[in-house]
Amino acid sequence: MSVPGAMRRVLARLAQMARLMVGMPDYDAYCRHMAAHHPERAPMSRAAFFRDRQQARYGSGGGRCC
């Protein structure tokens, strides 16, 4: 079963929104941003990007729950 282009874009956008809602950043969007706005800099690897975003979200572990 083939998914038409418009439907594929809608599904991709929904998946991206779902990842952002649970705090999982979009590595592909990061790579597109780096290529468009910072072509002189090499983007982080997927693993480094994930660690960086985790650190930014949760900090050094000294945060509080409430």
C-alpha atoms as a PDB file:
ATOM      1  CA  MET A   1       0.000   0.000   0.000  1.00  0.00           C
ATOM      2  CA  SER A   2       1.501   3.309  -1.087  1.00  0.00           C
ATOM      3  CA  VAL A   3       1.054   6.468   0.964  1.00  0.00           C
ATOM      4  CA  PRO A   4       0.552   9.630  -1.147  1.00  0.00           C
ATOM      5  CA  GLY A   5       3.060  12.460  -0.687  1.00  0.00           C
ATOM      6  CA  ALA A   6       0.669  14.780   1.170  1.00  0.00           C
ATOM      7  CA  MET A   7      -0.315  12.041   3.602  1.00  0.00           C
ATOM      8  CA  ARG A   8       3.345  11.123   4.142  1.00  0.00           C
ATOM      9  CA  ARG A   9       4.130  14.760   5.065  1.00  0.00           C
ATOM     10  CA  VAL A  10       1.197  14.875   7.496  1.00  0.00           C
ATOM     11  CA  LEU A  11       2.321  11.642   9.152  1.00  0.00           C
ATOM     12  CA  ALA A  12       5.914  12.892   9.378  1.00  0.00           C
ATOM     13  CA  ARG A  13       4.726  16.143  10.997  1.00  0.00           C
ATOM     14  CA  LEU A  14       2.563  14.233  13.491  1.00  0.00           C
ATOM     15  CA  ALA A  15       5.507  12.007  14.399  1.00  0.00           C
ATOM     16  CA  GLN A  16       7.703  15.078  14.892  1.00  0.00           C
ATOM     17  CA  MET A  17       5.073  16.720  17.131  1.00  0.00           C
ATOM     18  CA  ALA A  18       4.726  13.543  19.182  1.00  0.00           C
ATOM     19  CA  ARG A  19       8.507  13.349  19.708  1.00  0.00           C
ATOM     20  CA  LEU A  20       8.617  16.992  20.804  1.00  0.00           C
ATOM     21  CA  MET A  21       5.715  16.468  23.233  1.00  0.00           C
ATOM     22  CA  VAL A  22       7.652  13.751  25.039  1.00  0.00           C
ATOM     23  CA  GLY A  23      10.873  15.756  24.964  1.00  0.00           C
ATOM     24  CA  MET A  24      12.653  13.889  22.182  1.00  0.00           C
ATOM     25  CA  PRO A  25      14.223  16.485  19.881  1.00  0.00           C
ATOM     26  CA  ASP A  26      14.397  16.110  16.114  1.00  0.00           C
ATOM     27  CA  TYR A  27      17.947  15.332  14.962  1.00  0.00           C
ATOM     28  CA  ASP A  28      17.083  15.730  11.274  1.00  0.00           C
ATOM     29  CA  ALA A  29      15.709  19.242  11.888  1.00  0.00           C
ATOM     30  CA  TYR A  30      18.908  20.050  13.800  1.00  0.00           C
ATOM     31  CA  CYS A  31      21.025  18.880  10.845  1.00  0.00           C
ATOM     32  CA  ARG A  32      18.954  20.983   8.409  1.00  0.00           C
ATOM     33  CA  HIS A  33      19.353  24.017  10.695  1.00  0.00           C
ATOM     34  CA  MET A  34      23.114  23.530  10.960  1.00  0.00           C
ATOM     35  CA  ALA A  35      23.475  23.215   7.163  1.00  0.00           C
ATOM     36  CA  ALA A  36      21.354  26.315   6.528  1.00  0.00           C
ATOM     37  CA  HIS A  37      22.622  28.610   9.277  1.00  0.00           C
ATOM     38  CA  HIS A  38      26.055  27.311  10.321  1.00  0.00           C
ATOM     39  CA  PRO A  39      27.591  25.610   7.255  1.00  0.00           C
ATOM     40  CA  GLU A  40      31.109  26.186   8.596  1.00  0.00           C
ATOM     41  CA  ARG A  41      30.418  24.005  11.658  1.00  0.00           C
ATOM     42  CA  ALA A  42      30.100  20.236  11.623  1.00  0.00           C
ATOM     43  CA  PRO A  43      26.894  18.995  13.266  1.00  0.00           C
ATOM     44  CA  MET A  44      27.078  16.803  16.362  1.00  0.00           C
ATOM     45  CA  SER A  45      26.665  13.072  15.950  1.00  0.00           C
ATOM     46  CA  ARG A  46      23.209  11.673  16.736  1.00  0.00           C
ATOM     47  CA  ALA A  47      24.490  10.308  20.077  1.00  0.00           C
ATOM     48  CA  ALA A  48      26.168  13.611  21.030  1.00  0.00           C
ATOM     49  CA  PHE A  49      23.022  15.527  20.045  1.00  0.00           C
ATOM     50  CA  PHE A  50      20.868  13.286  22.241  1.00  0.00           C
ATOM     51  CA  ARG A  51      23.247  13.691  25.213  1.00  0.00           C
ATOM     52  CA  ASP A  52      23.332  17.474  24.706  1.00  0.00           C
ATOM     53  CA  ARG A  53      19.529  17.720  24.631  1.00  0.00           C
ATOM     54  CA  GLN A  54      19.221  15.471  27.696  1.00  0.00           C
ATOM     55  CA  GLN A  55      21.709  17.638  29.578  1.00  0.00           C
ATOM     56  CA  ALA A  56      19.836  20.784  28.560  1.00  0.00           C
ATOM     57  CA  ARG A  57      16.537  19.331  29.709  1.00  0.00           C
ATOM     58  CA  TYR A  58      17.549  17.616  32.937  1.00  0.00           C
ATOM     59  CA  GLY A  59      20.712  19.485  33.879  1.00  0.00           C
ATOM     60  CA  SER A  60      23.270  17.963  36.171  1.00  0.00           C
ATOM     61  CA  GLY A  61      20.740  15.891  38.104  1.00  0.00           C
ATOM     62  CA  GLY A  62      20.427  18.420  40.903  1.00  0.00           C
ATOM     63  CA  GLY A  63      16.945  19.496  39.838  1.00  0.00           C
ATOM     64  CA  ARG A  64      13.790  18.983  41.777  1.00  0.00           C
ATOM     65  CA  CYS A  65      10.694  17.097  40.818  1.00  0.00           C
ATOM     66  CA  CYS A  66       8.177  19.631  42.100  1.00  0.00           C
END
